Amino acid sequence: MSDINQFDNKPETRRRGKQLESAIFQATWDELSAVGYSRLTMEGVADRAETSKTVIYRRWPNRAELVLATIRQRVPTPSDEIPDTGKLRDDLLILLRRMNRSLKEVGFETIHGLMVDLGDIPFSRLFFPNGRSSNTMNTILKRAAERGEVQLAKITPRIATLPVDLTRHELLLSQEPVSENTLIEIVDEIFLPLISM
C-alpha cells in the first residue's frame, strides 16, 4: 500500500515543444543504432523517449517520416558549412567527403528503407530538401568564379550538380561509402575538365 502511495505521489515531469522533440529524435537515433531501420517501431521509440506512441503519431504519421525528420535534424547537410578554401578543387572534395560521411553515418539499410517507404520522394530530396545540395554547389561555383577559376555562363544547372549526383549514384549502386580515389576521379577527371572546356 505504501509503495502504491509512493508511486502515486511521484512528481510527473512533462516535456513539451523542443525538449520533447529533442528527446524523440535522440530516442529514434538510438533505436536506429540498436535495431536498424527494418526493426524500428514507434513503440520502441516511445519507450526510449519515455513518452507515448500517440504523442509521436501526432507529429509524424509513420516511421519513415520520423526517421527522416531525425536524420535532417541530426546529420549535417552540405549547406550547414559550405567549404571556402580558396580553391575550387579543394572545396569540391571537402563537400563530397562530407556528403559521403553523412550518408555513411545514416547507414545504407536506413537509406534503402526510406527509399522504399517514401518512394514518391526522389532520393535527391530525401536528405537535401529545397535543393540544398544545388544551393551549396552554386555557392562554391560562384566563389570560384569570383576568383577567376571558372565562367558561370558555361555551367548549366545539371553540370553544376554533377559531382554530387555522381557521388550519390556511386553510393546507391555500391551501397557502401565512396572511396577517396573515386571522389578524386569525379572531381579531377570528370567535373573540372568539363567546366574548363
N, C-alpha and C. Protein backbone atom coordinates (compact mmCIF):
# COMPACT_ATOMS: atom_id res chain seq x y z
N MET A 1 0.83 -1.21 0.00
CA MET A 1 0.00 0.00 0.00
C MET A 1 0.86 1.25 0.00
N SER A 2 1.89 1.25 0.88
CA SER A 2 2.77 2.41 0.94
C SER A 2 3.52 2.59 -0.37
N ASP A 3 3.87 1.44 -1.04
CA ASP A 3 4.55 1.52 -2.32
C ASP A 3 3.67 2.20 -3.36
N ILE A 4 2.39 1.86 -3.36
CA ILE A 4 1.46 2.46 -4.31
C ILE A 4 1.34 3.96 -4.06
N ASN A 5 1.23 4.32 -2.77
CA ASN A 5 1.15 5.74 -2.44
C ASN A 5 2.39 6.49 -2.88
N GLN A 6 3.56 5.85 -2.69
CA GLN A 6 4.80 6.49 -3.10
C GLN A 6 4.78 6.74 -4.61
N PHE A 7 4.31 5.73 -5.36
CA PHE A 7 4.27 5.86 -6.81
C PHE A 7 3.29 6.96 -7.22
N ASP A 8 2.12 6.97 -6.56
CA ASP A 8 1.11 7.98 -6.90
C ASP A 8 1.59 9.39 -6.60
N ASN A 9 2.44 9.53 -5.59
CA ASN A 9 2.91 10.86 -5.19
C ASN A 9 4.18 11.29 -5.93
N LYS A 10 4.68 10.43 -6.80
CA LYS A 10 5.90 10.75 -7.54
C LYS A 10 5.63 11.93 -8.47
N PRO A 11 6.44 12.98 -8.40
CA PRO A 11 6.20 14.14 -9.26
C PRO A 11 6.36 13.78 -10.74
N GLU A 12 5.45 14.22 -11.57
CA GLU A 12 5.49 13.93 -13.00
C GLU A 12 6.16 15.07 -13.74
N THR A 13 7.08 14.74 -14.60
CA THR A 13 7.74 15.78 -15.40
C THR A 13 7.23 15.66 -16.83
N ARG A 14 6.58 16.70 -17.29
CA ARG A 14 6.05 16.71 -18.66
C ARG A 14 6.95 17.56 -19.53
N ARG A 15 7.38 16.96 -20.63
CA ARG A 15 8.19 17.70 -21.59
C ARG A 15 7.30 18.14 -22.74
N ARG A 16 7.58 19.29 -23.23
CA ARG A 16 6.80 19.82 -24.35
C ARG A 16 7.73 20.45 -25.37
N GLY A 17 7.16 20.78 -26.51
CA GLY A 17 7.89 21.55 -27.52
C GLY A 17 9.22 20.95 -27.90
N LYS A 18 10.23 21.82 -27.95
CA LYS A 18 11.57 21.44 -28.40
C LYS A 18 12.20 20.38 -27.50
N GLN A 19 11.93 20.45 -26.20
CA GLN A 19 12.51 19.47 -25.28
C GLN A 19 11.99 18.06 -25.59
N LEU A 20 10.70 17.94 -25.81
CA LEU A 20 10.10 16.65 -26.15
C LEU A 20 10.58 16.19 -27.52
N GLU A 21 10.58 17.10 -28.48
CA GLU A 21 11.03 16.75 -29.83
C GLU A 21 12.48 16.25 -29.83
N SER A 22 13.31 16.93 -29.06
CA SER A 22 14.72 16.53 -28.95
C SER A 22 14.85 15.13 -28.36
N ALA A 23 14.05 14.83 -27.36
CA ALA A 23 14.08 13.50 -26.73
C ALA A 23 13.63 12.43 -27.71
N ILE A 24 12.63 12.75 -28.52
CA ILE A 24 12.13 11.79 -29.52
C ILE A 24 13.17 11.56 -30.61
N PHE A 25 13.82 12.63 -31.07
CA PHE A 25 14.87 12.48 -32.09
C PHE A 25 16.02 11.63 -31.56
N GLN A 26 16.43 11.90 -30.32
CA GLN A 26 17.52 11.12 -29.74
C GLN A 26 17.12 9.64 -29.59
N ALA A 27 15.90 9.41 -29.15
CA ALA A 27 15.41 8.03 -29.00
C ALA A 27 15.34 7.33 -30.35
N THR A 28 14.93 8.05 -31.39
CA THR A 28 14.87 7.46 -32.73
C THR A 28 16.26 7.09 -33.21
N TRP A 29 17.21 7.98 -33.02
CA TRP A 29 18.59 7.72 -33.44
C TRP A 29 19.16 6.51 -32.68
N ASP A 30 18.92 6.46 -31.39
CA ASP A 30 19.41 5.34 -30.56
C ASP A 30 18.76 4.03 -31.00
N GLU A 31 17.48 4.10 -31.30
CA GLU A 31 16.76 2.90 -31.73
C GLU A 31 17.27 2.42 -33.10
N LEU A 32 17.54 3.36 -33.98
CA LEU A 32 18.12 3.01 -35.28
C LEU A 32 19.45 2.29 -35.10
N SER A 33 20.29 2.83 -34.22
CA SER A 33 21.60 2.22 -33.96
C SER A 33 21.47 0.84 -33.35
N ALA A 34 20.46 0.66 -32.51
CA ALA A 34 20.30 -0.60 -31.77
C ALA A 34 19.66 -1.70 -32.60
N VAL A 35 18.62 -1.37 -33.36
CA VAL A 35 17.86 -2.43 -34.04
C VAL A 35 17.82 -2.30 -35.56
N GLY A 36 18.24 -1.15 -36.10
CA GLY A 36 18.19 -0.94 -37.54
C GLY A 36 16.83 -0.45 -37.99
N TYR A 37 16.79 0.06 -39.22
CA TYR A 37 15.56 0.66 -39.73
C TYR A 37 14.42 -0.34 -39.83
N SER A 38 14.72 -1.54 -40.35
CA SER A 38 13.65 -2.50 -40.61
C SER A 38 12.94 -2.97 -39.34
N ARG A 39 13.63 -2.92 -38.21
CA ARG A 39 13.02 -3.39 -36.95
C ARG A 39 12.61 -2.23 -36.04
N LEU A 40 12.82 -1.02 -36.48
CA LEU A 40 12.44 0.14 -35.66
C LEU A 40 10.92 0.27 -35.64
N THR A 41 10.37 0.49 -34.45
CA THR A 41 8.93 0.69 -34.31
C THR A 41 8.66 1.97 -33.54
N MET A 42 7.48 2.52 -33.74
CA MET A 42 7.07 3.70 -32.99
C MET A 42 7.02 3.38 -31.49
N GLU A 43 6.61 2.17 -31.17
CA GLU A 43 6.54 1.76 -29.77
C GLU A 43 7.93 1.74 -29.14
N GLY A 44 8.92 1.23 -29.88
CA GLY A 44 10.28 1.20 -29.36
C GLY A 44 10.83 2.60 -29.13
N VAL A 45 10.54 3.50 -30.06
CA VAL A 45 10.98 4.89 -29.91
C VAL A 45 10.28 5.53 -28.72
N ALA A 46 8.98 5.30 -28.59
CA ALA A 46 8.22 5.87 -27.48
C ALA A 46 8.77 5.40 -26.13
N ASP A 47 9.10 4.11 -26.04
CA ASP A 47 9.68 3.59 -24.80
C ASP A 47 11.00 4.28 -24.47
N ARG A 48 11.85 4.41 -25.48
CA ARG A 48 13.15 5.07 -25.24
C ARG A 48 12.98 6.53 -24.86
N ALA A 49 12.03 7.19 -25.49
CA ALA A 49 11.82 8.62 -25.23
C ALA A 49 10.99 8.87 -23.98
N GLU A 50 10.47 7.78 -23.38
CA GLU A 50 9.61 7.86 -22.20
C GLU A 50 8.40 8.76 -22.48
N THR A 51 7.76 8.44 -23.61
CA THR A 51 6.54 9.15 -23.98
C THR A 51 5.58 8.11 -24.57
N SER A 52 4.50 8.55 -25.17
CA SER A 52 3.53 7.60 -25.72
C SER A 52 3.58 7.60 -27.25
N LYS A 53 3.11 6.51 -27.84
CA LYS A 53 3.04 6.44 -29.30
C LYS A 53 2.12 7.53 -29.83
N THR A 54 1.06 7.83 -29.10
CA THR A 54 0.10 8.85 -29.54
C THR A 54 0.79 10.19 -29.72
N VAL A 55 1.67 10.53 -28.79
CA VAL A 55 2.40 11.80 -28.86
C VAL A 55 3.25 11.83 -30.13
N ILE A 56 3.91 10.71 -30.43
CA ILE A 56 4.77 10.65 -31.62
C ILE A 56 3.93 10.73 -32.89
N TYR A 57 2.83 9.95 -32.93
CA TYR A 57 1.98 9.94 -34.13
C TYR A 57 1.34 11.30 -34.40
N ARG A 58 1.17 12.11 -33.38
CA ARG A 58 0.62 13.45 -33.57
C ARG A 58 1.54 14.30 -34.45
N ARG A 59 2.85 14.05 -34.33
CA ARG A 59 3.83 14.85 -35.06
C ARG A 59 4.27 14.20 -36.37
N TRP A 60 4.40 12.87 -36.36
CA TRP A 60 4.89 12.14 -37.54
C TRP A 60 3.94 10.99 -37.83
N PRO A 61 3.38 10.92 -39.02
CA PRO A 61 2.35 9.92 -39.32
C PRO A 61 2.86 8.49 -39.43
N ASN A 62 4.17 8.32 -39.62
CA ASN A 62 4.70 6.97 -39.78
C ASN A 62 6.18 6.93 -39.45
N ARG A 63 6.72 5.74 -39.42
CA ARG A 63 8.12 5.52 -39.08
C ARG A 63 9.07 6.27 -40.02
N ALA A 64 8.79 6.20 -41.31
CA ALA A 64 9.68 6.81 -42.29
C ALA A 64 9.78 8.32 -42.08
N GLU A 65 8.65 8.98 -41.87
CA GLU A 65 8.66 10.43 -41.65
C GLU A 65 9.43 10.79 -40.37
N LEU A 66 9.28 9.98 -39.34
CA LEU A 66 10.00 10.21 -38.08
C LEU A 66 11.51 10.05 -38.28
N VAL A 67 11.90 8.98 -38.94
CA VAL A 67 13.33 8.73 -39.16
C VAL A 67 13.93 9.83 -40.04
N LEU A 68 13.22 10.22 -41.08
CA LEU A 68 13.72 11.27 -41.96
C LEU A 68 13.87 12.59 -41.22
N ALA A 69 12.90 12.94 -40.38
CA ALA A 69 12.99 14.17 -39.58
C ALA A 69 14.18 14.10 -38.64
N THR A 70 14.43 12.92 -38.07
CA THR A 70 15.56 12.73 -37.16
C THR A 70 16.88 12.93 -37.89
N ILE A 71 16.98 12.35 -39.07
CA ILE A 71 18.21 12.48 -39.86
C ILE A 71 18.46 13.93 -40.23
N ARG A 72 17.41 14.60 -40.69
CA ARG A 72 17.57 16.01 -41.10
C ARG A 72 17.96 16.89 -39.92
N GLN A 73 17.51 16.52 -38.72
CA GLN A 73 17.84 17.30 -37.53
C GLN A 73 19.25 16.98 -37.04
N ARG A 74 19.66 15.74 -37.20
CA ARG A 74 20.90 15.29 -36.56
C ARG A 74 22.13 15.33 -37.47
N VAL A 75 21.96 14.95 -38.73
CA VAL A 75 23.11 14.83 -39.62
C VAL A 75 23.31 16.14 -40.37
N PRO A 76 24.51 16.69 -40.32
CA PRO A 76 24.76 17.96 -41.02
C PRO A 76 24.54 17.81 -42.52
N THR A 77 24.02 18.85 -43.14
CA THR A 77 23.87 18.85 -44.59
C THR A 77 24.97 19.71 -45.18
N PRO A 78 25.26 19.55 -46.48
CA PRO A 78 26.33 20.33 -47.08
C PRO A 78 26.18 21.84 -46.92
N SER A 79 24.94 22.31 -46.81
CA SER A 79 24.74 23.76 -46.71
C SER A 79 25.02 24.31 -45.31
N ASP A 80 25.19 23.41 -44.32
CA ASP A 80 25.42 23.88 -42.96
C ASP A 80 26.75 24.63 -42.84
N GLU A 81 27.74 24.20 -43.59
CA GLU A 81 29.04 24.86 -43.56
C GLU A 81 29.67 24.66 -44.93
N ILE A 82 29.50 25.62 -45.81
CA ILE A 82 29.99 25.49 -47.18
C ILE A 82 31.49 25.72 -47.20
N PRO A 83 32.26 24.77 -47.76
CA PRO A 83 33.71 24.91 -47.79
C PRO A 83 34.14 26.17 -48.56
N ASP A 84 35.19 26.80 -48.06
CA ASP A 84 35.72 28.00 -48.72
C ASP A 84 37.22 28.04 -48.49
N THR A 85 37.94 27.17 -49.20
CA THR A 85 39.39 27.04 -49.00
C THR A 85 40.17 28.01 -49.88
N GLY A 86 39.50 28.59 -50.88
CA GLY A 86 40.20 29.45 -51.83
C GLY A 86 40.54 28.72 -53.12
N LYS A 87 40.23 27.41 -53.18
CA LYS A 87 40.46 26.63 -54.41
C LYS A 87 39.24 25.77 -54.68
N LEU A 88 38.75 25.82 -55.92
CA LEU A 88 37.55 25.07 -56.28
C LEU A 88 37.73 23.58 -56.04
N ARG A 89 38.84 23.02 -56.47
CA ARG A 89 39.06 21.58 -56.33
C ARG A 89 38.95 21.15 -54.87
N ASP A 90 39.60 21.90 -53.99
CA ASP A 90 39.58 21.54 -52.56
C ASP A 90 38.18 21.67 -51.98
N ASP A 91 37.46 22.72 -52.37
CA ASP A 91 36.09 22.90 -51.88
C ASP A 91 35.21 21.73 -52.30
N LEU A 92 35.36 21.30 -53.56
CA LEU A 92 34.55 20.19 -54.06
C LEU A 92 34.85 18.89 -53.32
N LEU A 93 36.12 18.62 -53.09
CA LEU A 93 36.48 17.38 -52.40
C LEU A 93 35.98 17.39 -50.96
N ILE A 94 36.07 18.52 -50.29
CA ILE A 94 35.55 18.61 -48.91
C ILE A 94 34.05 18.36 -48.90
N LEU A 95 33.34 18.97 -49.85
CA LEU A 95 31.88 18.79 -49.94
C LEU A 95 31.53 17.31 -50.14
N LEU A 96 32.19 16.65 -51.08
CA LEU A 96 31.88 15.25 -51.37
C LEU A 96 32.25 14.34 -50.22
N ARG A 97 33.36 14.64 -49.54
CA ARG A 97 33.75 13.83 -48.38
C ARG A 97 32.72 13.96 -47.26
N ARG A 98 32.21 15.17 -47.05
CA ARG A 98 31.20 15.37 -46.01
C ARG A 98 29.91 14.63 -46.35
N MET A 99 29.52 14.71 -47.61
CA MET A 99 28.32 14.00 -48.06
C MET A 99 28.49 12.50 -47.85
N ASN A 100 29.63 12.00 -48.24
CA ASN A 100 29.96 10.58 -48.08
C ASN A 100 29.88 10.17 -46.61
N ARG A 101 30.47 10.98 -45.75
CA ARG A 101 30.49 10.69 -44.31
C ARG A 101 29.09 10.74 -43.71
N SER A 102 28.29 11.73 -44.13
CA SER A 102 26.93 11.87 -43.60
C SER A 102 26.07 10.66 -43.97
N LEU A 103 26.14 10.24 -45.23
CA LEU A 103 25.32 9.11 -45.66
C LEU A 103 25.81 7.81 -45.04
N LYS A 104 27.12 7.72 -44.78
CA LYS A 104 27.64 6.54 -44.07
C LYS A 104 27.10 6.51 -42.64
N GLU A 105 27.04 7.69 -42.01
CA GLU A 105 26.52 7.77 -40.64
C GLU A 105 25.05 7.35 -40.59
N VAL A 106 24.29 7.76 -41.58
CA VAL A 106 22.87 7.38 -41.63
C VAL A 106 22.75 5.86 -41.79
N GLY A 107 23.58 5.29 -42.65
CA GLY A 107 23.55 3.84 -42.87
C GLY A 107 22.76 3.48 -44.11
N PHE A 108 23.27 2.51 -44.85
CA PHE A 108 22.66 2.20 -46.14
C PHE A 108 21.37 1.41 -45.99
N GLU A 109 21.22 0.65 -44.91
CA GLU A 109 19.95 -0.03 -44.67
C GLU A 109 18.85 1.00 -44.43
N THR A 110 19.17 2.05 -43.70
CA THR A 110 18.20 3.11 -43.44
C THR A 110 17.86 3.85 -44.71
N ILE A 111 18.86 4.18 -45.51
CA ILE A 111 18.63 4.88 -46.77
C ILE A 111 17.72 4.04 -47.67
N HIS A 112 18.03 2.77 -47.80
CA HIS A 112 17.23 1.89 -48.64
C HIS A 112 15.79 1.80 -48.11
N GLY A 113 15.64 1.65 -46.79
CA GLY A 113 14.31 1.57 -46.19
C GLY A 113 13.49 2.82 -46.44
N LEU A 114 14.13 3.98 -46.33
CA LEU A 114 13.42 5.24 -46.59
C LEU A 114 13.01 5.36 -48.05
N MET A 115 13.88 4.91 -48.94
CA MET A 115 13.55 4.98 -50.36
C MET A 115 12.36 4.09 -50.69
N VAL A 116 12.26 2.95 -50.04
CA VAL A 116 11.12 2.05 -50.25
C VAL A 116 9.86 2.66 -49.66
N ASP A 117 9.95 3.12 -48.40
CA ASP A 117 8.77 3.63 -47.70
C ASP A 117 8.30 4.99 -48.22
N LEU A 118 9.24 5.78 -48.73
CA LEU A 118 8.90 7.11 -49.23
C LEU A 118 9.18 7.17 -50.73
N GLY A 119 8.71 6.18 -51.45
CA GLY A 119 9.01 6.05 -52.86
C GLY A 119 8.59 7.23 -53.71
N ASP A 120 7.66 8.04 -53.21
CA ASP A 120 7.21 9.18 -54.00
C ASP A 120 8.13 10.38 -53.86
N ILE A 121 9.14 10.28 -52.96
CA ILE A 121 10.09 11.38 -52.78
C ILE A 121 11.41 10.99 -53.44
N PRO A 122 11.88 11.76 -54.42
CA PRO A 122 13.16 11.42 -55.06
C PRO A 122 14.29 11.42 -54.03
N PHE A 123 15.27 10.56 -54.26
CA PHE A 123 16.40 10.46 -53.32
C PHE A 123 17.07 11.81 -53.11
N SER A 124 17.17 12.59 -54.19
CA SER A 124 17.85 13.89 -54.07
C SER A 124 17.14 14.82 -53.09
N ARG A 125 15.84 14.58 -52.86
CA ARG A 125 15.08 15.43 -51.94
C ARG A 125 15.00 14.85 -50.52
N LEU A 126 15.35 13.57 -50.39
CA LEU A 126 15.28 12.96 -49.06
C LEU A 126 16.15 13.72 -48.06
N PHE A 127 17.41 13.86 -48.42
CA PHE A 127 18.37 14.46 -47.49
C PHE A 127 18.71 15.90 -47.84
N PHE A 128 18.27 16.35 -49.02
CA PHE A 128 18.54 17.72 -49.42
C PHE A 128 17.25 18.39 -49.85
N PRO A 129 16.32 18.60 -48.90
CA PRO A 129 15.05 19.25 -49.27
C PRO A 129 15.31 20.68 -49.72
N ASN A 130 14.43 21.16 -50.56
CA ASN A 130 14.52 22.54 -51.07
C ASN A 130 15.80 22.81 -51.84
N GLY A 131 16.37 21.75 -52.41
CA GLY A 131 17.54 21.94 -53.27
C GLY A 131 18.79 22.38 -52.55
N ARG A 132 18.98 21.94 -51.31
CA ARG A 132 20.14 22.42 -50.55
C ARG A 132 21.46 22.04 -51.20
N SER A 133 21.54 20.85 -51.82
CA SER A 133 22.80 20.48 -52.46
C SER A 133 23.08 21.38 -53.65
N SER A 134 22.03 21.76 -54.40
CA SER A 134 22.22 22.66 -55.53
C SER A 134 22.69 24.03 -55.05
N ASN A 135 22.09 24.53 -53.98
CA ASN A 135 22.48 25.83 -53.46
C ASN A 135 23.93 25.82 -53.00
N THR A 136 24.35 24.72 -52.40
CA THR A 136 25.73 24.61 -51.95
C THR A 136 26.68 24.65 -53.13
N MET A 137 26.39 23.86 -54.17
CA MET A 137 27.24 23.86 -55.35
C MET A 137 27.26 25.23 -56.00
N ASN A 138 26.11 25.88 -56.07
CA ASN A 138 26.05 27.21 -56.68
C ASN A 138 26.92 28.20 -55.93
N THR A 139 26.92 28.11 -54.60
CA THR A 139 27.76 28.99 -53.79
C THR A 139 29.23 28.72 -54.04
N ILE A 140 29.61 27.45 -54.07
CA ILE A 140 31.01 27.08 -54.32
C ILE A 140 31.46 27.58 -55.69
N LEU A 141 30.61 27.38 -56.70
CA LEU A 141 30.96 27.80 -58.06
C LEU A 141 30.99 29.33 -58.20
N LYS A 142 30.09 29.99 -57.51
CA LYS A 142 30.09 31.47 -57.55
C LYS A 142 31.38 32.02 -56.96
N ARG A 143 31.80 31.46 -55.84
CA ARG A 143 33.06 31.90 -55.24
C ARG A 143 34.24 31.63 -56.17
N ALA A 144 34.21 30.46 -56.82
CA ALA A 144 35.28 30.12 -57.77
C ALA A 144 35.30 31.10 -58.93
N ALA A 145 34.12 31.51 -59.40
CA ALA A 145 34.03 32.48 -60.50
C ALA A 145 34.60 33.83 -60.06
N GLU A 146 34.31 34.22 -58.83
CA GLU A 146 34.85 35.49 -58.31
C GLU A 146 36.37 35.46 -58.23
N ARG A 147 36.93 34.27 -58.06
CA ARG A 147 38.41 34.13 -58.01
C ARG A 147 38.98 33.96 -59.42
N GLY A 148 38.11 33.87 -60.44
CA GLY A 148 38.58 33.71 -61.81
C GLY A 148 38.87 32.28 -62.21
N GLU A 149 38.40 31.30 -61.43
CA GLU A 149 38.68 29.89 -61.75
C GLU A 149 37.73 29.32 -62.79
N VAL A 150 36.50 29.82 -62.86
CA VAL A 150 35.52 29.30 -63.81
C VAL A 150 34.68 30.45 -64.36
N GLN A 151 33.96 30.15 -65.46
CA GLN A 151 32.99 31.09 -66.01
C GLN A 151 31.60 30.50 -65.80
N LEU A 152 30.82 31.15 -64.97
CA LEU A 152 29.50 30.62 -64.62
C LEU A 152 28.60 30.46 -65.84
N ALA A 153 28.75 31.29 -66.84
CA ALA A 153 27.89 31.23 -68.02
C ALA A 153 28.02 29.88 -68.74
N LYS A 154 29.13 29.20 -68.55
CA LYS A 154 29.36 27.92 -69.22
C LYS A 154 28.83 26.73 -68.44
N ILE A 155 28.32 26.99 -67.21
CA ILE A 155 27.92 25.88 -66.33
C ILE A 155 26.40 25.84 -66.19
N THR A 156 25.79 24.82 -66.77
CA THR A 156 24.35 24.67 -66.67
C THR A 156 23.99 24.10 -65.28
N PRO A 157 22.71 24.19 -64.88
CA PRO A 157 22.31 23.62 -63.59
C PRO A 157 22.62 22.13 -63.47
N ARG A 158 22.45 21.37 -64.55
CA ARG A 158 22.73 19.94 -64.50
C ARG A 158 24.22 19.67 -64.29
N ILE A 159 25.06 20.45 -64.98
CA ILE A 159 26.51 20.29 -64.80
C ILE A 159 26.92 20.70 -63.40
N ALA A 160 26.28 21.74 -62.87
CA ALA A 160 26.65 22.23 -61.53
C ALA A 160 26.46 21.17 -60.46
N THR A 161 25.44 20.33 -60.59
CA THR A 161 25.17 19.31 -59.56
C THR A 161 25.84 17.97 -59.88
N LEU A 162 26.60 17.92 -60.97
CA LEU A 162 27.19 16.65 -61.40
C LEU A 162 28.04 15.96 -60.34
N PRO A 163 28.95 16.64 -59.63
CA PRO A 163 29.76 15.93 -58.63
C PRO A 163 28.91 15.27 -57.54
N VAL A 164 27.89 15.99 -57.06
CA VAL A 164 27.00 15.44 -56.03
C VAL A 164 26.19 14.28 -56.60
N ASP A 165 25.68 14.46 -57.82
CA ASP A 165 24.88 13.41 -58.45
C ASP A 165 25.69 12.13 -58.68
N LEU A 166 26.92 12.27 -59.13
CA LEU A 166 27.77 11.10 -59.37
C LEU A 166 28.12 10.39 -58.06
N THR A 167 28.39 11.17 -57.02
CA THR A 167 28.68 10.57 -55.73
C THR A 167 27.47 9.82 -55.19
N ARG A 168 26.31 10.43 -55.31
CA ARG A 168 25.07 9.79 -54.87
C ARG A 168 24.82 8.50 -55.66
N HIS A 169 25.08 8.55 -56.96
CA HIS A 169 24.91 7.38 -57.82
C HIS A 169 25.83 6.24 -57.36
N GLU A 170 27.07 6.56 -57.07
CA GLU A 170 28.03 5.55 -56.59
C GLU A 170 27.55 4.93 -55.28
N LEU A 171 27.06 5.78 -54.39
CA LEU A 171 26.55 5.30 -53.10
C LEU A 171 25.39 4.33 -53.29
N LEU A 172 24.47 4.68 -54.18
CA LEU A 172 23.30 3.85 -54.39
C LEU A 172 23.65 2.52 -55.05
N LEU A 173 24.59 2.55 -56.00
CA LEU A 173 24.96 1.33 -56.70
C LEU A 173 25.74 0.37 -55.80
N SER A 174 26.70 0.92 -55.07
CA SER A 174 27.58 0.05 -54.27
C SER A 174 27.03 -0.20 -52.87
N GLN A 175 26.18 0.68 -52.38
CA GLN A 175 25.65 0.61 -51.00
C GLN A 175 26.78 0.56 -49.98
N GLU A 176 27.82 1.31 -50.27
CA GLU A 176 28.91 1.47 -49.31
C GLU A 176 29.56 2.82 -49.58
N PRO A 177 30.32 3.35 -48.63
CA PRO A 177 30.93 4.67 -48.84
C PRO A 177 31.79 4.70 -50.10
N VAL A 178 31.81 5.85 -50.75
CA VAL A 178 32.59 6.02 -51.96
C VAL A 178 34.06 6.17 -51.57
N SER A 179 34.94 5.50 -52.31
CA SER A 179 36.36 5.56 -51.98
C SER A 179 36.92 6.94 -52.28
N GLU A 180 38.00 7.28 -51.60
CA GLU A 180 38.68 8.56 -51.82
C GLU A 180 39.13 8.67 -53.28
N ASN A 181 39.63 7.58 -53.84
CA ASN A 181 40.08 7.60 -55.24
C ASN A 181 38.93 7.93 -56.19
N THR A 182 37.74 7.41 -55.90
CA THR A 182 36.58 7.69 -56.76
C THR A 182 36.16 9.15 -56.64
N LEU A 183 36.19 9.69 -55.43
CA LEU A 183 35.85 11.11 -55.24
C LEU A 183 36.82 12.00 -56.02
N ILE A 184 38.10 11.68 -55.95
CA ILE A 184 39.11 12.45 -56.67
C ILE A 184 38.90 12.32 -58.18
N GLU A 185 38.56 11.12 -58.63
CA GLU A 185 38.30 10.89 -60.06
C GLU A 185 37.10 11.72 -60.53
N ILE A 186 36.04 11.76 -59.72
CA ILE A 186 34.86 12.55 -60.07
C ILE A 186 35.22 14.02 -60.26
N VAL A 187 36.04 14.53 -59.35
CA VAL A 187 36.42 15.94 -59.41
C VAL A 187 37.45 16.20 -60.50
N ASP A 188 38.54 15.42 -60.51
CA ASP A 188 39.69 15.71 -61.39
C ASP A 188 39.49 15.26 -62.83
N GLU A 189 38.81 14.13 -63.02
CA GLU A 189 38.75 13.56 -64.37
C GLU A 189 37.42 13.80 -65.07
N ILE A 190 36.41 14.17 -64.31
CA ILE A 190 35.10 14.39 -64.93
C ILE A 190 34.66 15.86 -64.82
N PHE A 191 34.56 16.35 -63.59
CA PHE A 191 33.93 17.66 -63.41
C PHE A 191 34.83 18.83 -63.84
N LEU A 192 36.04 18.89 -63.32
CA LEU A 192 36.90 20.05 -63.63
C LEU A 192 37.22 20.14 -65.13
N PRO A 193 37.55 19.03 -65.80
CA PRO A 193 37.77 19.17 -67.25
C PRO A 193 36.51 19.63 -68.00
N LEU A 194 35.34 19.21 -67.52
CA LEU A 194 34.09 19.55 -68.18
C LEU A 194 33.80 21.04 -68.10
N ILE A 195 34.06 21.64 -66.94
CA ILE A 195 33.72 23.06 -66.79
C ILE A 195 34.84 23.98 -67.28
N SER A 196 36.01 23.41 -67.59
CA SER A 196 37.11 24.27 -68.07
C SER A 196 37.20 24.28 -69.59
N MET A 197 36.30 23.52 -70.25
CA MET A 197 36.34 23.45 -71.71
C MET A 197 35.90 24.77 -72.34
